[in-house]
């Protein structure tokens, strides 16, 4: 824990996610929806700081997700834009699956 927490003694809102059917959860897609919601809820200085330290670029591997969010794409558009590459990956990995 930090010696001087940034939000000490301040009300900080959060979310709670309850998964009722784990077999239906797509974690990456859920993450895109959450990041999109957090980004669009941020205002002013928080919006300017949202991409500080390139955290999302490091997490995603490219600036593409950040660019898509800044451009205003919906989570569905972002997810759909990956489908061709995802299908290519699935084809490539299929020959290496043992069972």
C-alpha atoms as a PDB file:
ATOM      1  CA  UNK A   1       0.000   0.000   0.000  1.00  0.00           C
ATOM      2  CA  UNK A   2       1.188   3.507  -0.756  1.00  0.00           C
ATOM      3  CA  UNK A   3       2.409   5.680   2.104  1.00  0.00           C
ATOM      4  CA  UNK A   4       0.283   8.503   0.693  1.00  0.00           C
ATOM      5  CA  UNK A   5      -2.646   7.098  -1.298  1.00  0.00           C
ATOM      6  CA  UNK A   6      -3.907   9.486  -3.976  1.00  0.00           C
ATOM      7  CA  UNK A   7      -7.544   8.986  -3.046  1.00  0.00           C
ATOM      8  CA  UNK A   8      -7.197   8.655   0.739  1.00  0.00           C
ATOM      9  CA  UNK A   9     -10.390   9.809   2.497  1.00  0.00           C
ATOM     10  CA  UNK A  10     -12.133  10.464  -0.846  1.00  0.00           C
ATOM     11  CA  UNK A  11     -15.218   8.727  -2.151  1.00  0.00           C
ATOM     12  CA  UNK A  12     -14.203   6.591  -5.101  1.00  0.00           C
ATOM     13  CA  UNK A  13     -16.886   4.982  -7.220  1.00  0.00           C
ATOM     14  CA  UNK A  14     -16.415   1.570  -8.691  1.00  0.00           C
ATOM     15  CA  UNK A  15     -18.245  -1.240 -10.356  1.00  0.00           C
ATOM     16  CA  UNK A  16     -19.149  -4.761  -9.417  1.00  0.00           C
ATOM     17  CA  UNK A  17     -19.376  -7.452 -12.048  1.00  0.00           C
ATOM     18  CA  UNK A  18     -21.345 -10.586 -11.315  1.00  0.00           C
ATOM     19  CA  UNK A  19     -20.877 -13.457 -13.720  1.00  0.00           C
ATOM     20  CA  UNK A  20     -23.940 -15.672 -13.802  1.00  0.00           C
ATOM     21  CA  UNK A  21     -22.787 -17.949 -16.623  1.00  0.00           C
ATOM     22  CA  UNK A  22     -18.980 -18.289 -16.869  1.00  0.00           C
ATOM     23  CA  UNK A  23     -19.249 -20.268 -20.097  1.00  0.00           C
ATOM     24  CA  UNK A  24     -20.660 -17.187 -21.853  1.00  0.00           C
ATOM     25  CA  UNK A  25     -18.017 -14.705 -20.684  1.00  0.00           C
ATOM     26  CA  UNK A  26     -15.527 -13.494 -23.277  1.00  0.00           C
ATOM     27  CA  UNK A  27     -12.856 -11.858 -21.072  1.00  0.00           C
ATOM     28  CA  UNK A  28     -11.154  -9.810 -23.788  1.00  0.00           C
ATOM     29  CA  UNK A  29     -14.459  -8.505 -25.115  1.00  0.00           C
ATOM     30  CA  UNK A  30     -15.578  -7.691 -21.562  1.00  0.00           C
ATOM     31  CA  UNK A  31     -12.316  -5.794 -21.075  1.00  0.00           C
ATOM     32  CA  UNK A  32     -12.896  -3.754 -24.227  1.00  0.00           C
ATOM     33  CA  UNK A  33     -16.370  -2.796 -23.036  1.00  0.00           C
ATOM     34  CA  UNK A  34     -14.997  -1.785 -19.626  1.00  0.00           C
ATOM     35  CA  UNK A  35     -12.093   0.275 -20.994  1.00  0.00           C
ATOM     36  CA  UNK A  36     -14.484   1.965 -23.441  1.00  0.00           C
ATOM     37  CA  UNK A  37     -16.910   2.819 -20.628  1.00  0.00           C
ATOM     38  CA  UNK A  38     -14.136   4.106 -18.350  1.00  0.00           C
ATOM     39  CA  UNK A  39     -12.653   6.216 -21.133  1.00  0.00           C
ATOM     40  CA  UNK A  40     -15.987   7.768 -22.061  1.00  0.00           C
ATOM     41  CA  UNK A  41     -16.874   8.418 -18.412  1.00  0.00           C
ATOM     42  CA  UNK A  42     -13.634  10.328 -17.844  1.00  0.00           C
ATOM     43  CA  UNK A  43     -13.779  14.085 -18.258  1.00  0.00           C
ATOM     44  CA  UNK A  44     -11.347  16.993 -18.254  1.00  0.00           C
ATOM     45  CA  UNK A  45      -7.955  16.223 -16.764  1.00  0.00           C
ATOM     46  CA  UNK A  46      -8.866  12.575 -16.202  1.00  0.00           C
ATOM     47  CA  UNK A  47      -9.537  12.201 -19.937  1.00  0.00           C
ATOM     48  CA  UNK A  48      -6.158  13.780 -20.686  1.00  0.00           C
ATOM     49  CA  UNK A  49      -4.434  11.422 -18.247  1.00  0.00           C
ATOM     50  CA  UNK A  50      -6.290   8.313 -19.372  1.00  0.00           C
ATOM     51  CA  UNK A  51      -3.484   7.120 -21.636  1.00  0.00           C
ATOM     52  CA  UNK A  52      -0.569   8.337 -19.474  1.00  0.00           C
ATOM     53  CA  UNK A  53       2.462   6.061 -19.539  1.00  0.00           C
ATOM     54  CA  UNK A  54       1.124   4.260 -22.622  1.00  0.00           C
ATOM     55  CA  UNK A  55      -0.419   1.633 -20.356  1.00  0.00           C
ATOM     56  CA  UNK A  56      -3.030   0.620 -22.882  1.00  0.00           C
ATOM     57  CA  UNK A  57      -0.487   0.407 -25.706  1.00  0.00           C
ATOM     58  CA  UNK A  58       1.686  -1.841 -23.554  1.00  0.00           C
ATOM     59  CA  UNK A  59      -1.313  -3.979 -22.635  1.00  0.00           C
ATOM     60  CA  UNK A  60      -2.728  -4.239 -26.161  1.00  0.00           C
ATOM     61  CA  UNK A  61       0.630  -4.403 -27.948  1.00  0.00           C
ATOM     62  CA  UNK A  62      -0.108  -1.524 -30.344  1.00  0.00           C
ATOM     63  CA  UNK A  63      -1.668   1.958 -30.313  1.00  0.00           C
ATOM     64  CA  UNK A  64      -4.619   0.621 -32.289  1.00  0.00           C
ATOM     65  CA  UNK A  65      -6.947   0.284 -29.278  1.00  0.00           C
ATOM     66  CA  UNK A  66      -6.088   3.774 -28.041  1.00  0.00           C
ATOM     67  CA  UNK A  67      -6.630   5.207 -31.514  1.00  0.00           C
ATOM     68  CA  UNK A  68      -9.974   3.413 -31.820  1.00  0.00           C
ATOM     69  CA  UNK A  69     -11.134   4.771 -28.451  1.00  0.00           C
ATOM     70  CA  UNK A  70     -10.026   8.309 -29.264  1.00  0.00           C
ATOM     71  CA  UNK A  71     -11.682   8.079 -32.681  1.00  0.00           C
ATOM     72  CA  UNK A  72     -14.961   7.155 -30.992  1.00  0.00           C
ATOM     73  CA  UNK A  73     -15.398   3.569 -32.156  1.00  0.00           C
ATOM     74  CA  UNK A  74     -17.864   1.461 -30.217  1.00  0.00           C
ATOM     75  CA  UNK A  75     -16.727  -1.690 -28.414  1.00  0.00           C
ATOM     76  CA  UNK A  76     -18.522  -3.734 -31.061  1.00  0.00           C
ATOM     77  CA  UNK A  77     -16.626  -1.951 -33.862  1.00  0.00           C
ATOM     78  CA  UNK A  78     -13.311  -2.462 -32.080  1.00  0.00           C
ATOM     79  CA  UNK A  79     -13.977  -6.162 -31.518  1.00  0.00           C
ATOM     80  CA  UNK A  80     -15.204  -6.654 -35.091  1.00  0.00           C
ATOM     81  CA  UNK A  81     -12.034  -5.024 -36.436  1.00  0.00           C
ATOM     82  CA  UNK A  82      -9.980  -7.877 -34.952  1.00  0.00           C
ATOM     83  CA  UNK A  83     -11.967 -10.726 -36.464  1.00  0.00           C
ATOM     84  CA  UNK A  84      -9.896 -11.250 -39.611  1.00  0.00           C
ATOM     85  CA  UNK A  85      -6.657 -11.440 -37.616  1.00  0.00           C
ATOM     86  CA  UNK A  86      -8.292 -13.613 -34.984  1.00  0.00           C
ATOM     87  CA  UNK A  87      -9.506 -16.071 -37.628  1.00  0.00           C
ATOM     88  CA  UNK A  88      -6.024 -16.168 -39.183  1.00  0.00           C
ATOM     89  CA  UNK A  89      -4.552 -16.962 -35.761  1.00  0.00           C
ATOM     90  CA  UNK A  90      -7.100 -19.726 -35.140  1.00  0.00           C
ATOM     91  CA  UNK A  91      -6.216 -21.345 -38.453  1.00  0.00           C
ATOM     92  CA  UNK A  92      -2.512 -21.133 -37.697  1.00  0.00           C
ATOM     93  CA  UNK A  93      -2.794 -22.541 -34.186  1.00  0.00           C
ATOM     94  CA  UNK A  94      -5.095 -25.415 -35.219  1.00  0.00           C
ATOM     95  CA  UNK A  95      -2.249 -27.450 -36.685  1.00  0.00           C
ATOM     96  CA  UNK A  96      -0.366 -27.261 -33.368  1.00  0.00           C
ATOM     97  CA  UNK A  97      -3.195 -28.408 -31.101  1.00  0.00           C
ATOM     98  CA  UNK A  98      -2.549 -31.860 -29.711  1.00  0.00           C
ATOM     99  CA  UNK A  99      -6.145 -32.577 -28.683  1.00  0.00           C
END
